[in-house]
Amino acid sequence: MATRHRTTQEPPVDLPVGFNAWLLDCVPIADCKTCQSEWQRLNAAKELGDITEAAKHATEIRDHASGARR
């Protein structure tokens, strides 16, 4: 008799329109190599549809630009 496997992964959640824009909102410092590197990584992740990874880079840019991690 074949065993049926149940998936434990939930279906993806549809976030409200504009949520990703709010989540990824950041302004890199123009002449900062760290900010520019994180900006490139953010955009690459966004193009791949990996919003979680993109959000991590946006957070790094916000923290770095504000001096939160200095």
Protein backbone atom coordinates (compact mmCIF):
# COMPACT_ATOMS: atom_id res chain seq x y z
CA MET A 1 0.00 0.00 0.00
CA ALA A 2 1.39 3.39 -1.00
CA THR A 3 1.92 5.97 1.72
CA ARG A 4 0.58 9.43 1.07
CA HIS A 5 2.93 12.19 2.10
CA ARG A 6 1.51 15.38 3.44
CA THR A 7 3.27 18.60 2.72
CA THR A 8 4.11 20.81 5.68
CA GLN A 9 4.73 23.86 3.56
CA GLU A 10 1.90 26.37 3.48
CA PRO A 11 0.94 28.04 0.21
CA PRO A 12 2.54 31.46 -0.38
CA VAL A 13 0.86 34.45 1.21
CA ASP A 14 -0.26 37.31 -1.01
CA LEU A 15 0.93 40.54 0.57
CA PRO A 16 -1.01 43.78 0.12
CA VAL A 17 -0.21 45.82 -2.97
CA GLY A 18 2.68 48.15 -2.24
CA PHE A 19 4.00 46.17 0.73
CA ASN A 20 7.17 45.13 -1.09
CA ALA A 21 7.82 48.75 -2.06
CA TRP A 22 7.53 49.75 1.61
CA LEU A 23 9.70 46.82 2.72
CA LEU A 24 12.45 47.61 0.21
CA ASP A 25 12.35 51.40 0.66
CA CYS A 26 15.87 52.67 1.31
CA VAL A 27 18.29 55.31 0.06
CA PRO A 28 21.92 54.30 -0.35
CA ILE A 29 24.62 56.92 0.21
CA ALA A 30 25.90 57.86 -3.25
CA ASP A 31 29.64 57.68 -2.58
CA CYS A 32 29.60 54.74 -0.13
CA LYS A 33 30.98 51.44 -1.46
CA THR A 34 29.09 49.44 1.18
CA CYS A 35 25.74 51.03 0.32
CA GLN A 36 26.34 50.62 -3.41
CA SER A 37 27.26 46.96 -2.99
CA GLU A 38 24.16 46.30 -0.89
CA TRP A 39 22.08 48.19 -3.47
CA GLN A 40 23.32 45.94 -6.27
CA ARG A 41 22.57 42.84 -4.19
CA LEU A 42 19.12 44.19 -3.33
CA ASN A 43 18.27 44.69 -7.00
CA ALA A 44 19.63 41.27 -7.99
CA ALA A 45 17.53 39.56 -5.31
CA LYS A 46 14.48 41.60 -6.31
CA GLU A 47 14.89 40.55 -9.96
CA LEU A 48 15.05 36.90 -8.85
CA GLY A 49 11.86 37.41 -6.85
CA ASP A 50 13.63 36.75 -3.53
CA ILE A 51 11.97 39.48 -1.48
CA THR A 52 13.31 38.07 1.80
CA GLU A 53 16.91 38.43 0.62
CA ALA A 54 16.18 41.84 -0.92
CA ALA A 55 14.68 43.01 2.37
CA LYS A 56 17.86 41.99 4.22
CA HIS A 57 19.92 44.19 1.90
CA ALA A 58 17.46 47.08 2.24
CA THR A 59 17.79 46.80 6.02
CA GLU A 60 21.59 46.86 5.74
CA ILE A 61 21.39 50.02 3.60
CA ARG A 62 19.01 51.74 6.03
CA ASP A 63 21.13 50.79 9.05
CA HIS A 64 24.40 51.75 7.39
CA ALA A 65 23.13 55.04 5.98
CA SER A 66 21.65 56.07 9.34
CA GLY A 67 24.79 55.12 11.26
CA ALA A 68 22.92 52.51 13.32
CA ARG A 69 25.78 50.00 13.06
CA ARG A 70 28.81 52.25 13.34
